[in-house]
PDB file of all heavy atoms in Angstrom:
ATOM      1  N   ASP A   1      20.266  13.156 -15.524  1.00  0.00           N
ATOM      2  CA  ASP A   1      19.895  13.921 -16.643  1.00  0.00           C
ATOM      3  C   ASP A   1      18.472  14.095 -16.595  1.00  0.00           C
ATOM      4  O   ASP A   1      17.916  15.180 -17.075  1.00  0.00           O
ATOM      5  CB  ASP A   1      20.377  13.120 -17.924  1.00  0.00           C
ATOM      6  CG  ASP A   1      21.898  12.994 -18.046  1.00  0.00           C
ATOM      7  OD1 ASP A   1      22.560  14.031 -17.843  1.00  0.00           O
ATOM      8  OD2 ASP A   1      22.420  11.925 -18.281  1.00  0.00           O
ATOM      9  N   VAL A   2      17.726  13.077 -16.161  1.00  0.00           N
ATOM     10  CA  VAL A   2      16.227  13.227 -16.126  1.00  0.00           C
ATOM     11  C   VAL A   2      15.867  14.194 -15.132  1.00  0.00           C
ATOM     12  O   VAL A   2      14.952  15.125 -15.325  1.00  0.00           O
ATOM     13  CB  VAL A   2      15.602  11.857 -15.794  1.00  0.00           C
ATOM     14  CG1 VAL A   2      14.147  11.997 -15.692  1.00  0.00           C
ATOM     15  CG2 VAL A   2      15.949  10.790 -16.810  1.00  0.00           C
ATOM     16  N   GLN A   3      16.616  14.241 -13.975  1.00  0.00           N
ATOM     17  CA  GLN A   3      16.316  15.203 -12.919  1.00  0.00           C
ATOM     18  C   GLN A   3      16.462  16.686 -13.443  1.00  0.00           C
ATOM     19  O   GLN A   3      15.716  17.512 -13.173  1.00  0.00           O
ATOM     20  CB  GLN A   3      17.202  14.989 -11.703  1.00  0.00           C
ATOM     21  CG  GLN A   3      16.846  15.963 -10.582  1.00  0.00           C
ATOM     22  CD  GLN A   3      17.734  15.722  -9.375  1.00  0.00           C
ATOM     23  OE1 GLN A   3      18.760  16.265  -9.209  1.00  0.00           O
ATOM     24  NE2 GLN A   3      17.292  14.714  -8.618  1.00  0.00           N
ATOM     25  N   THR A   4      17.613  16.868 -14.226  1.00  0.00           N
ATOM     26  CA  THR A   4      17.785  18.201 -14.842  1.00  0.00           C
ATOM     27  C   THR A   4      16.725  18.587 -15.681  1.00  0.00           C
ATOM     28  O   THR A   4      16.193  19.774 -15.775  1.00  0.00           O
ATOM     29  CB  THR A   4      19.120  18.239 -15.681  1.00  0.00           C
ATOM     30  OG1 THR A   4      20.193  17.793 -14.679  1.00  0.00           O
ATOM     31  CG2 THR A   4      19.477  19.547 -16.111  1.00  0.00           C
ATOM     32  N   ALA A   5      16.135  17.559 -16.542  1.00  0.00           N
ATOM     33  CA  ALA A   5      15.114  17.834 -17.573  1.00  0.00           C
ATOM     34  C   ALA A   5      13.861  18.258 -16.744  1.00  0.00           C
ATOM     35  O   ALA A   5      13.132  19.151 -17.212  1.00  0.00           O
ATOM     36  CB  ALA A   5      14.851  16.559 -18.281  1.00  0.00           C
ATOM     37  N   VAL A   6      13.578  17.527 -15.612  1.00  0.00           N
ATOM     38  CA  VAL A   6      12.416  17.897 -14.856  1.00  0.00           C
ATOM     39  C   VAL A   6      12.568  19.254 -14.294  1.00  0.00           C
ATOM     40  O   VAL A   6      11.516  20.068 -14.277  1.00  0.00           O
ATOM     41  CB  VAL A   6      12.182  16.886 -13.677  1.00  0.00           C
ATOM     42  CG1 VAL A   6      11.154  17.209 -12.743  1.00  0.00           C
ATOM     43  CG2 VAL A   6      12.028  15.472 -14.181  1.00  0.00           C
ATOM     44  N   ARG A   7      13.617  19.707 -13.826  1.00  0.00           N
ATOM     45  CA  ARG A   7      13.821  21.079 -13.306  1.00  0.00           C
ATOM     46  C   ARG A   7      13.774  22.169 -14.288  1.00  0.00           C
ATOM     47  O   ARG A   7      13.383  23.310 -13.953  1.00  0.00           O
ATOM     48  CB  ARG A   7      15.171  21.139 -12.575  1.00  0.00           C
ATOM     49  CG  ARG A   7      15.312  20.293 -11.303  1.00  0.00           C
ATOM     50  CD  ARG A   7      16.544  20.677 -10.425  1.00  0.00           C
ATOM     51  NE  ARG A   7      16.623  19.870  -9.272  1.00  0.00           N
ATOM     52  CZ  ARG A   7      16.046  19.924  -8.222  1.00  0.00           C
ATOM     53  NH1 ARG A   7      15.114  20.949  -7.963  1.00  0.00           N
ATOM     54  NH2 ARG A   7      16.234  19.093  -7.104  1.00  0.00           N
ATOM     55  N   LEU A   8      14.011  21.821 -15.565  1.00  0.00           N
ATOM     56  CA  LEU A   8      13.772  22.768 -16.669  1.00  0.00           C
ATOM     57  C   LEU A   8      12.462  22.796 -17.105  1.00  0.00           C
ATOM     58  O   LEU A   8      11.966  23.927 -17.488  1.00  0.00           O
ATOM     59  CB  LEU A   8      14.736  22.289 -17.765  1.00  0.00           C
ATOM     60  CG  LEU A   8      16.211  22.483 -17.677  1.00  0.00           C
ATOM     61  CD1 LEU A   8      16.896  21.868 -18.874  1.00  0.00           C
ATOM     62  CD2 LEU A   8      16.634  23.914 -17.704  1.00  0.00           C
ATOM     63  N   ALA A   9      11.701  21.656 -17.029  1.00  0.00           N
ATOM     64  CA  ALA A   9      10.335  21.675 -17.656  1.00  0.00           C
ATOM     65  C   ALA A   9       9.286  22.143 -16.588  1.00  0.00           C
ATOM     66  O   ALA A   9       8.299  22.673 -16.967  1.00  0.00           O
ATOM     67  CB  ALA A   9       9.936  20.206 -18.107  1.00  0.00           C
ATOM     68  N   LEU A  10       9.535  21.734 -15.352  1.00  0.00           N
ATOM     69  CA  LEU A  10       8.585  22.126 -14.313  1.00  0.00           C
ATOM     70  C   LEU A  10       9.087  23.256 -13.445  1.00  0.00           C
ATOM     71  O   LEU A  10      10.170  23.555 -13.444  1.00  0.00           O
ATOM     72  CB  LEU A  10       8.283  20.851 -13.363  1.00  0.00           C
ATOM     73  CG  LEU A  10       7.813  19.544 -14.026  1.00  0.00           C
ATOM     74  CD1 LEU A  10       7.592  18.516 -13.063  1.00  0.00           C
ATOM     75  CD2 LEU A  10       6.648  19.779 -14.860  1.00  0.00           C
ATOM     76  N   THR A  11       8.165  23.842 -12.609  1.00  0.00           N
ATOM     77  CA  THR A  11       8.630  25.013 -11.829  1.00  0.00           C
ATOM     78  C   THR A  11       8.156  24.855 -10.455  1.00  0.00           C
ATOM     79  O   THR A  11       7.205  24.056 -10.133  1.00  0.00           O
ATOM     80  CB  THR A  11       8.058  26.304 -12.436  1.00  0.00           C
ATOM     81  OG1 THR A  11       6.538  26.244 -12.352  1.00  0.00           O
ATOM     82  CG2 THR A  11       8.497  26.589 -13.762  1.00  0.00           C
ATOM     83  N   GLY A  12       8.705  25.656  -9.457  1.00  0.00           N
ATOM     84  CA  GLY A  12       8.239  25.764  -8.066  1.00  0.00           C
ATOM     85  C   GLY A  12       8.138  24.482  -7.395  1.00  0.00           C
ATOM     86  O   GLY A  12       8.867  23.475  -7.514  1.00  0.00           O
ATOM     87  N   ASN A  13       6.982  24.358  -6.660  1.00  0.00           N
ATOM     88  CA  ASN A  13       6.773  23.192  -5.889  1.00  0.00           C
ATOM     89  C   ASN A  13       6.447  21.926  -6.635  1.00  0.00           C
ATOM     90  O   ASN A  13       6.644  20.802  -6.299  1.00  0.00           O
ATOM     91  CB  ASN A  13       5.474  23.461  -4.887  1.00  0.00           C
ATOM     92  CG  ASN A  13       5.868  24.376  -3.719  1.00  0.00           C
ATOM     93  OD1 ASN A  13       6.962  24.347  -3.289  1.00  0.00           O
ATOM     94  ND2 ASN A  13       4.989  25.081  -3.160  1.00  0.00           N
ATOM     95  N   LEU A  14       5.861  22.220  -7.928  1.00  0.00           N
ATOM     96  CA  LEU A  14       5.650  21.118  -8.750  1.00  0.00           C
ATOM     97  C   LEU A  14       6.997  20.248  -9.098  1.00  0.00           C
ATOM     98  O   LEU A  14       7.041  19.155  -9.022  1.00  0.00           O
ATOM     99  CB  LEU A  14       5.076  21.557 -10.246  1.00  0.00           C
ATOM    100  CG  LEU A  14       4.170  20.616 -10.897  1.00  0.00           C
ATOM    101  CD1 LEU A  14       3.008  20.110 -10.109  1.00  0.00           C
ATOM    102  CD2 LEU A  14       3.769  21.403 -12.268  1.00  0.00           C
ATOM    103  N   ALA A  15       8.084  21.071  -9.345  1.00  0.00           N
ATOM    104  CA  ALA A  15       9.347  20.412  -9.557  1.00  0.00           C
ATOM    105  C   ALA A  15       9.925  19.937  -8.359  1.00  0.00           C
ATOM    106  O   ALA A  15      10.412  18.768  -8.439  1.00  0.00           O
ATOM    107  CB  ALA A  15      10.335  21.511 -10.164  1.00  0.00           C
ATOM    108  N   LYS A  16       9.811  20.739  -7.245  1.00  0.00           N
ATOM    109  CA  LYS A  16      10.189  20.202  -6.038  1.00  0.00           C
ATOM    110  C   LYS A  16       9.758  18.837  -5.526  1.00  0.00           C
ATOM    111  O   LYS A  16      10.437  17.893  -5.322  1.00  0.00           O
ATOM    112  CB  LYS A  16       9.945  21.211  -4.840  1.00  0.00           C
ATOM    113  CG  LYS A  16      10.559  20.786  -3.508  1.00  0.00           C
ATOM    114  CD  LYS A  16      10.158  21.849  -2.406  1.00  0.00           C
ATOM    115  CE  LYS A  16      10.399  21.510  -1.012  1.00  0.00           C
ATOM    116  NZ  LYS A  16       9.905  22.300  -0.092  1.00  0.00           N
ATOM    117  N   TYR A  17       8.414  18.673  -5.648  1.00  0.00           N
ATOM    118  CA  TYR A  17       7.854  17.406  -5.001  1.00  0.00           C
ATOM    119  C   TYR A  17       7.909  16.332  -6.052  1.00  0.00           C
ATOM    120  O   TYR A  17       8.061  15.066  -5.710  1.00  0.00           O
ATOM    121  CB  TYR A  17       6.300  17.727  -4.825  1.00  0.00           C
ATOM    122  CG  TYR A  17       6.088  18.562  -3.602  1.00  0.00           C
ATOM    123  CD1 TYR A  17       5.325  19.641  -3.763  1.00  0.00           C
ATOM    124  CD2 TYR A  17       6.799  18.406  -2.466  1.00  0.00           C
ATOM    125  CE1 TYR A  17       5.086  20.595  -2.626  1.00  0.00           C
ATOM    126  CE2 TYR A  17       6.600  19.245  -1.364  1.00  0.00           C
ATOM    127  CZ  TYR A  17       5.751  20.267  -1.442  1.00  0.00           C
ATOM    128  OH  TYR A  17       5.525  21.205  -0.414  1.00  0.00           O
ATOM    129  N   ALA A  18       8.002  16.681  -7.414  1.00  0.00           N
ATOM    130  CA  ALA A  18       8.277  15.636  -8.385  1.00  0.00           C
ATOM    131  C   ALA A  18       9.607  15.031  -8.216  1.00  0.00           C
ATOM    132  O   ALA A  18       9.765  13.711  -8.303  1.00  0.00           O
ATOM    133  CB  ALA A  18       8.141  16.275  -9.820  1.00  0.00           C
ATOM    134  N   VAL A  19      10.603  15.928  -7.906  1.00  0.00           N
ATOM    135  CA  VAL A  19      11.940  15.250  -7.790  1.00  0.00           C
ATOM    136  C   VAL A  19      12.038  14.541  -6.466  1.00  0.00           C
ATOM    137  O   VAL A  19      12.695  13.403  -6.462  1.00  0.00           O
ATOM    138  CB  VAL A  19      12.895  16.600  -7.773  1.00  0.00           C
ATOM    139  CG1 VAL A  19      14.302  16.001  -7.165  1.00  0.00           C
ATOM    140  CG2 VAL A  19      13.177  17.149  -9.085  1.00  0.00           C
ATOM    141  N   ASN A  20      11.453  15.073  -5.464  1.00  0.00           N
ATOM    142  CA  ASN A  20      11.432  14.305  -4.157  1.00  0.00           C
ATOM    143  C   ASN A  20      10.909  12.902  -4.266  1.00  0.00           C
ATOM    144  O   ASN A  20      11.415  11.883  -3.803  1.00  0.00           O
ATOM    145  CB  ASN A  20      10.678  15.066  -3.115  1.00  0.00           C
ATOM    146  CG  ASN A  20      11.365  16.365  -2.553  1.00  0.00           C
ATOM    147  OD1 ASN A  20      12.574  16.435  -2.895  1.00  0.00           O
ATOM    148  ND2 ASN A  20      10.705  17.221  -1.933  1.00  0.00           N
ATOM    149  N   SER A  21       9.753  12.927  -5.038  1.00  0.00           N
ATOM    150  CA  SER A  21       9.026  11.580  -5.241  1.00  0.00           C
ATOM    151  C   SER A  21       9.870  10.595  -6.085  1.00  0.00           C
ATOM    152  O   SER A  21       9.986   9.421  -5.784  1.00  0.00           O
ATOM    153  CB  SER A  21       7.701  11.855  -5.957  1.00  0.00           C
ATOM    154  OG  SER A  21       7.087  10.656  -6.270  1.00  0.00           O
ATOM    155  N   ALA A  22      10.589  11.175  -7.132  1.00  0.00           N
ATOM    156  CA  ALA A  22      11.524  10.334  -7.952  1.00  0.00           C
ATOM    157  C   ALA A  22      12.561   9.819  -7.264  1.00  0.00           C
ATOM    158  O   ALA A  22      13.032   8.647  -7.400  1.00  0.00           O
ATOM    159  CB  ALA A  22      11.845  11.107  -9.158  1.00  0.00           C
ATOM    160  N   VAL A  23      13.225  10.641  -6.340  1.00  0.00           N
ATOM    161  CA  VAL A  23      14.445  10.203  -5.662  1.00  0.00           C
ATOM    162  C   VAL A  23      14.078   9.048  -4.729  1.00  0.00           C
ATOM    163  O   VAL A  23      14.832   8.051  -4.619  1.00  0.00           O
ATOM    164  CB  VAL A  23      15.038  11.479  -4.727  1.00  0.00           C
ATOM    165  CG1 VAL A  23      15.995  10.855  -3.732  1.00  0.00           C
ATOM    166  CG2 VAL A  23      15.612  12.432  -5.704  1.00  0.00           C
ATOM    167  N   LYS A  24      12.881   9.190  -4.000  1.00  0.00           N
ATOM    168  CA  LYS A  24      12.461   8.132  -3.162  1.00  0.00           C
ATOM    169  C   LYS A  24      12.237   6.702  -4.009  1.00  0.00           C
ATOM    170  O   LYS A  24      12.533   5.703  -3.486  1.00  0.00           O
ATOM    171  CB  LYS A  24      11.137   8.428  -2.462  1.00  0.00           C
ATOM    172  CG  LYS A  24      11.307   9.602  -1.428  1.00  0.00           C
ATOM    173  CD  LYS A  24      10.059   9.919  -0.777  1.00  0.00           C
ATOM    174  CE  LYS A  24      10.212  10.959   0.296  1.00  0.00           C
ATOM    175  NZ  LYS A  24       8.917  11.358   0.867  1.00  0.00           N
ATOM    176  N   SER A  25      11.627   6.947  -5.162  1.00  0.00           N
ATOM    177  CA  SER A  25      11.348   5.756  -6.034  1.00  0.00           C
ATOM    178  C   SER A  25      12.648   5.004  -6.443  1.00  0.00           C
ATOM    179  O   SER A  25      12.748   3.898  -6.485  1.00  0.00           O
ATOM    180  CB  SER A  25      10.563   6.138  -7.261  1.00  0.00           C
ATOM    181  OG  SER A  25       9.289   6.592  -6.907  1.00  0.00           O
ATOM    182  N   VAL A  26      13.598   5.909  -6.756  1.00  0.00           N
ATOM    183  CA  VAL A  26      14.921   5.332  -7.137  1.00  0.00           C
ATOM    184  C   VAL A  26      15.579   4.586  -5.975  1.00  0.00           C
ATOM    185  O   VAL A  26      16.232   3.551  -6.192  1.00  0.00           O
ATOM    186  CB  VAL A  26      15.829   6.449  -7.817  1.00  0.00           C
ATOM    187  CG1 VAL A  26      17.238   5.826  -7.947  1.00  0.00           C
ATOM    188  CG2 VAL A  26      15.274   6.843  -9.091  1.00  0.00           C
ATOM    189  N   GLN A  27      15.355   5.174  -4.842  1.00  0.00           N
ATOM    190  CA  GLN A  27      16.049   4.668  -3.630  1.00  0.00           C
ATOM    191  C   GLN A  27      15.303   3.294  -3.309  1.00  0.00           C
ATOM    192  O   GLN A  27      16.032   2.216  -2.971  1.00  0.00           O
ATOM    193  CB  GLN A  27      15.787   5.578  -2.384  1.00  0.00           C
ATOM    194  CG  GLN A  27      16.590   5.121  -1.202  1.00  0.00           C
ATOM    195  CD  GLN A  27      18.114   5.169  -1.350  1.00  0.00           C
ATOM    196  OE1 GLN A  27      18.544   6.198  -1.947  1.00  0.00           O
ATOM    197  NE2 GLN A  27      18.856   4.174  -1.122  1.00  0.00           N
ATOM    198  N   HIS A  28      13.972   3.218  -3.431  1.00  0.00           N
ATOM    199  CA  HIS A  28      13.333   1.932  -3.243  1.00  0.00           C
ATOM    200  C   HIS A  28      13.848   0.894  -4.368  1.00  0.00           C
ATOM    201  O   HIS A  28      13.986  -0.287  -3.871  1.00  0.00           O
ATOM    202  CB  HIS A  28      11.815   2.185  -3.456  1.00  0.00           C
ATOM    203  CG  HIS A  28      11.103   2.888  -2.280  1.00  0.00           C
ATOM    204  ND1 HIS A  28      11.174   2.574  -0.975  1.00  0.00           N
ATOM    205  CD2 HIS A  28      10.270   3.949  -2.434  1.00  0.00           C
ATOM    206  CE1 HIS A  28      10.630   3.473  -0.292  1.00  0.00           C
ATOM    207  NE2 HIS A  28       9.929   4.172  -0.998  1.00  0.00           N
ATOM    208  N   TYR A  29      13.972   1.313  -5.555  1.00  0.00           N
ATOM    209  CA  TYR A  29      14.414   0.399  -6.488  1.00  0.00           C
ATOM    210  C   TYR A  29      15.844  -0.153  -6.190  1.00  0.00           C
ATOM    211  O   TYR A  29      15.984  -1.388  -6.468  1.00  0.00           O
ATOM    212  CB  TYR A  29      14.441   1.219  -7.862  1.00  0.00           C
ATOM    213  CG  TYR A  29      14.943   0.365  -9.089  1.00  0.00           C
ATOM    214  CD1 TYR A  29      14.068  -0.567  -9.615  1.00  0.00           C
ATOM    215  CD2 TYR A  29      16.120   0.623  -9.537  1.00  0.00           C
ATOM    216  CE1 TYR A  29      14.615  -1.384 -10.772  1.00  0.00           C
ATOM    217  CE2 TYR A  29      16.656  -0.120 -10.646  1.00  0.00           C
ATOM    218  CZ  TYR A  29      15.794  -1.072 -11.208  1.00  0.00           C
ATOM    219  OH  TYR A  29      16.309  -1.841 -12.283  1.00  0.00           O
ATOM    220  N   THR A  30      16.702   0.749  -5.882  1.00  0.00           N
ATOM    221  CA  THR A  30      18.094   0.359  -5.724  1.00  0.00           C
ATOM    222  C   THR A  30      18.214  -0.572  -4.469  1.00  0.00           C
ATOM    223  O   THR A  30      19.084  -1.403  -4.442  1.00  0.00           O
ATOM    224  CB  THR A  30      19.044   1.472  -5.593  1.00  0.00           C
ATOM    225  OG1 THR A  30      18.681   2.426  -4.728  1.00  0.00           O
ATOM    226  CG2 THR A  30      19.209   2.141  -7.032  1.00  0.00           C
ATOM    227  N   ASP A  31      17.484  -0.363  -3.461  1.00  0.00           N
ATOM    228  CA  ASP A  31      17.481  -1.062  -2.198  1.00  0.00           C
ATOM    229  C   ASP A  31      16.811  -2.384  -2.240  1.00  0.00           C
ATOM    230  O   ASP A  31      16.967  -3.199  -1.280  1.00  0.00           O
ATOM    231  CB  ASP A  31      16.874  -0.226  -1.009  1.00  0.00           C
ATOM    232  CG  ASP A  31      17.708   0.972  -0.638  1.00  0.00           C
ATOM    233  OD1 ASP A  31      18.931   1.014  -1.127  1.00  0.00           O
ATOM    234  OD2 ASP A  31      17.201   1.897   0.052  1.00  0.00           O
ATOM    235  N   SER A  32      15.863  -2.529  -3.221  1.00  0.00           N
ATOM    236  CA  SER A  32      15.123  -3.785  -3.213  1.00  0.00           C
ATOM    237  C   SER A  32      15.745  -4.999  -3.943  1.00  0.00           C
ATOM    238  O   SER A  32      16.795  -4.812  -4.576  1.00  0.00           O
ATOM    239  CB  SER A  32      13.727  -3.507  -4.009  1.00  0.00           C
ATOM    240  OG  SER A  32      14.049  -3.343  -5.438  1.00  0.00           O
ATOM    241  N   GLU A  33      15.229  -6.183  -3.622  1.00  0.00           N
ATOM    242  CA  GLU A  33      15.663  -7.318  -4.120  1.00  0.00           C
ATOM    243  C   GLU A  33      14.993  -7.529  -5.586  1.00  0.00           C
ATOM    244  O   GLU A  33      13.988  -7.029  -5.776  1.00  0.00           O
ATOM    245  CB  GLU A  33      15.286  -8.615  -3.294  1.00  0.00           C
ATOM    246  CG  GLU A  33      15.943  -8.639  -1.858  1.00  0.00           C
ATOM    247  CD  GLU A  33      17.390  -8.664  -1.927  1.00  0.00           C
ATOM    248  OE1 GLU A  33      17.994  -9.329  -2.856  1.00  0.00           O
ATOM    249  OE2 GLU A  33      18.101  -8.205  -1.025  1.00  0.00           O
ATOM    250  N   THR A  34      15.695  -8.243  -6.417  1.00  0.00           N
ATOM    251  CA  THR A  34      15.172  -8.552  -7.776  1.00  0.00           C
ATOM    252  C   THR A  34      14.254  -9.604  -7.903  1.00  0.00           C
ATOM    253  O   THR A  34      13.530  -9.870  -8.898  1.00  0.00           O
ATOM    254  CB  THR A  34      16.336  -8.750  -8.795  1.00  0.00           C
ATOM    255  OG1 THR A  34      17.046  -9.906  -8.344  1.00  0.00           O
ATOM    256  CG2 THR A  34      17.248  -7.515  -8.799  1.00  0.00           C
ATOM    257  N   GLY A  35      14.173 -10.434  -6.740  1.00  0.00           N
ATOM    258  CA  GLY A  35      13.242 -11.600  -6.783  1.00  0.00           C
ATOM    259  C   GLY A  35      14.001 -12.835  -7.293  1.00  0.00           C
ATOM    260  O   GLY A  35      15.307 -12.636  -7.519  1.00  0.00           O
ATOM    261  N   ASP A  36      13.476 -13.947  -7.383  1.00  0.00           N
ATOM    262  CA  ASP A  36      14.196 -15.155  -7.847  1.00  0.00           C
ATOM    263  C   ASP A  36      14.008 -15.383  -9.322  1.00  0.00           C
ATOM    264  O   ASP A  36      13.206 -14.651 -10.026  1.00  0.00           O
ATOM    265  CB  ASP A  36      13.804 -16.330  -7.009  1.00  0.00           C
ATOM    266  CG  ASP A  36      12.308 -16.618  -7.091  1.00  0.00           C
ATOM    267  OD1 ASP A  36      11.669 -16.435  -8.056  1.00  0.00           O
ATOM    268  OD2 ASP A  36      11.718 -17.025  -5.968  1.00  0.00           O
ATOM    269  N   ILE A  37      14.581 -16.383  -9.946  1.00  0.00           N
ATOM    270  CA  ILE A  37      14.463 -16.679 -11.401  1.00  0.00           C
ATOM    271  C   ILE A  37      13.094 -16.972 -11.745  1.00  0.00           C
ATOM    272  O   ILE A  37      12.590 -16.425 -12.763  1.00  0.00           O
ATOM    273  CB  ILE A  37      15.437 -17.862 -11.744  1.00  0.00           C
ATOM    274  CG1 ILE A  37      16.865 -17.544 -11.429  1.00  0.00           C
ATOM    275  CG2 ILE A  37      15.207 -18.180 -13.228  1.00  0.00           C
ATOM    276  CD1 ILE A  37      17.894 -18.626 -11.674  1.00  0.00           C
ATOM    277  N   LYS A  38      12.308 -17.776 -10.877  1.00  0.00           N
ATOM    278  CA  LYS A  38      10.986 -18.066 -11.299  1.00  0.00           C
ATOM    279  C   LYS A  38       9.957 -16.932 -10.988  1.00  0.00           C
ATOM    280  O   LYS A  38       8.990 -16.777 -11.774  1.00  0.00           O
ATOM    281  CB  LYS A  38      10.548 -19.309 -10.513  1.00  0.00           C
ATOM    282  CG  LYS A  38      11.154 -20.612 -10.810  1.00  0.00           C
ATOM    283  CD  LYS A  38      10.652 -21.852 -10.204  1.00  0.00           C
ATOM    284  CE  LYS A  38      11.268 -23.162 -10.552  1.00  0.00           C
ATOM    285  NZ  LYS A  38      10.773 -24.277  -9.855  1.00  0.00           N
ATOM    286  N   HIS A  39      10.284 -16.110 -10.056  1.00  0.00           N
ATOM    287  CA  HIS A  39       9.348 -15.042  -9.775  1.00  0.00           C
ATOM    288  C   HIS A  39      10.178 -13.708  -9.660  1.00  0.00           C
ATOM    289  O   HIS A  39      10.157 -13.064  -8.584  1.00  0.00           O
ATOM    290  CB  HIS A  39       8.548 -15.327  -8.531  1.00  0.00           C
ATOM    291  CG  HIS A  39       7.915 -16.701  -8.540  1.00  0.00           C
ATOM    292  ND1 HIS A  39       8.386 -17.797  -7.916  1.00  0.00           N
ATOM    293  CD2 HIS A  39       6.645 -16.905  -8.894  1.00  0.00           C
ATOM    294  CE1 HIS A  39       7.525 -18.762  -8.117  1.00  0.00           C
ATOM    295  NE2 HIS A  39       6.377 -18.239  -8.655  1.00  0.00           N
ATOM    296  N   PRO A  40      10.585 -13.121 -10.744  1.00  0.00           N
ATOM    297  CA  PRO A  40      11.272 -11.955 -10.831  1.00  0.00           C
ATOM    298  C   PRO A  40      10.348 -10.775 -10.487  1.00  0.00           C
ATOM    299  O   PRO A  40       9.171 -10.857 -11.080  1.00  0.00           O
ATOM    300  CB  PRO A  40      11.994 -11.839 -12.163  1.00  0.00           C
ATOM    301  CG  PRO A  40      11.029 -12.716 -13.068  1.00  0.00           C
ATOM    302  CD  PRO A  40      10.562 -13.793 -12.222  1.00  0.00           C
ATOM    303  N   LEU A  41      10.836  -9.786  -9.863  1.00  0.00           N
ATOM    304  CA  LEU A  41       9.997  -8.594  -9.619  1.00  0.00           C
ATOM    305  C   LEU A  41      10.260  -7.552 -10.708  1.00  0.00           C
ATOM    306  O   LEU A  41      11.348  -7.386 -11.210  1.00  0.00           O
ATOM    307  CB  LEU A  41      10.421  -7.874  -8.239  1.00  0.00           C
ATOM    308  CG  LEU A  41      10.070  -8.767  -6.890  1.00  0.00           C
ATOM    309  CD1 LEU A  41      10.613  -7.851  -5.710  1.00  0.00           C
ATOM    310  CD2 LEU A  41       8.573  -8.922  -6.743  1.00  0.00           C
ATOM    311  N   SER A  42       9.060  -6.982 -11.062  1.00  0.00           N
ATOM    312  CA  SER A  42       9.246  -5.876 -12.101  1.00  0.00           C
ATOM    313  C   SER A  42       9.883  -4.688 -11.572  1.00  0.00           C
ATOM    314  O   SER A  42       9.974  -4.532 -10.330  1.00  0.00           O
ATOM    315  CB  SER A  42       7.761  -5.557 -12.673  1.00  0.00           C
ATOM    316  OG  SER A  42       7.118  -4.865 -11.639  1.00  0.00           O
ATOM    317  N   ARG A  43      10.377  -3.903 -12.423  1.00  0.00           N
ATOM    318  CA  ARG A  43      11.032  -2.725 -12.043  1.00  0.00           C
ATOM    319  C   ARG A  43       9.995  -1.710 -11.297  1.00  0.00           C
ATOM    320  O   ARG A  43      10.328  -1.007 -10.297  1.00  0.00           O
ATOM    321  CB  ARG A  43      11.707  -1.945 -13.190  1.00  0.00           C
ATOM    322  CG  ARG A  43      12.938  -2.579 -13.619  1.00  0.00           C
ATOM    323  CD  ARG A  43      13.570  -1.926 -14.837  1.00  0.00           C
ATOM    324  NE  ARG A  43      12.787  -2.165 -16.028  1.00  0.00           N
ATOM    325  CZ  ARG A  43      13.023  -1.580 -17.222  1.00  0.00           C
ATOM    326  NH1 ARG A  43      14.151  -0.807 -17.385  1.00  0.00           N
ATOM    327  NH2 ARG A  43      12.254  -1.735 -18.319  1.00  0.00           N
TER     328      ARG A  43
END
């Protein structure tokens, strides 16, 4: 839903690179470890 919002609000390469950057960030987030109980990693 956020991606659709970005494509509506931004145009051209601005939208393209913003989406590419966000997809990579989400991938890093889902692939990463959460850390341990004493030292949890922030999102």
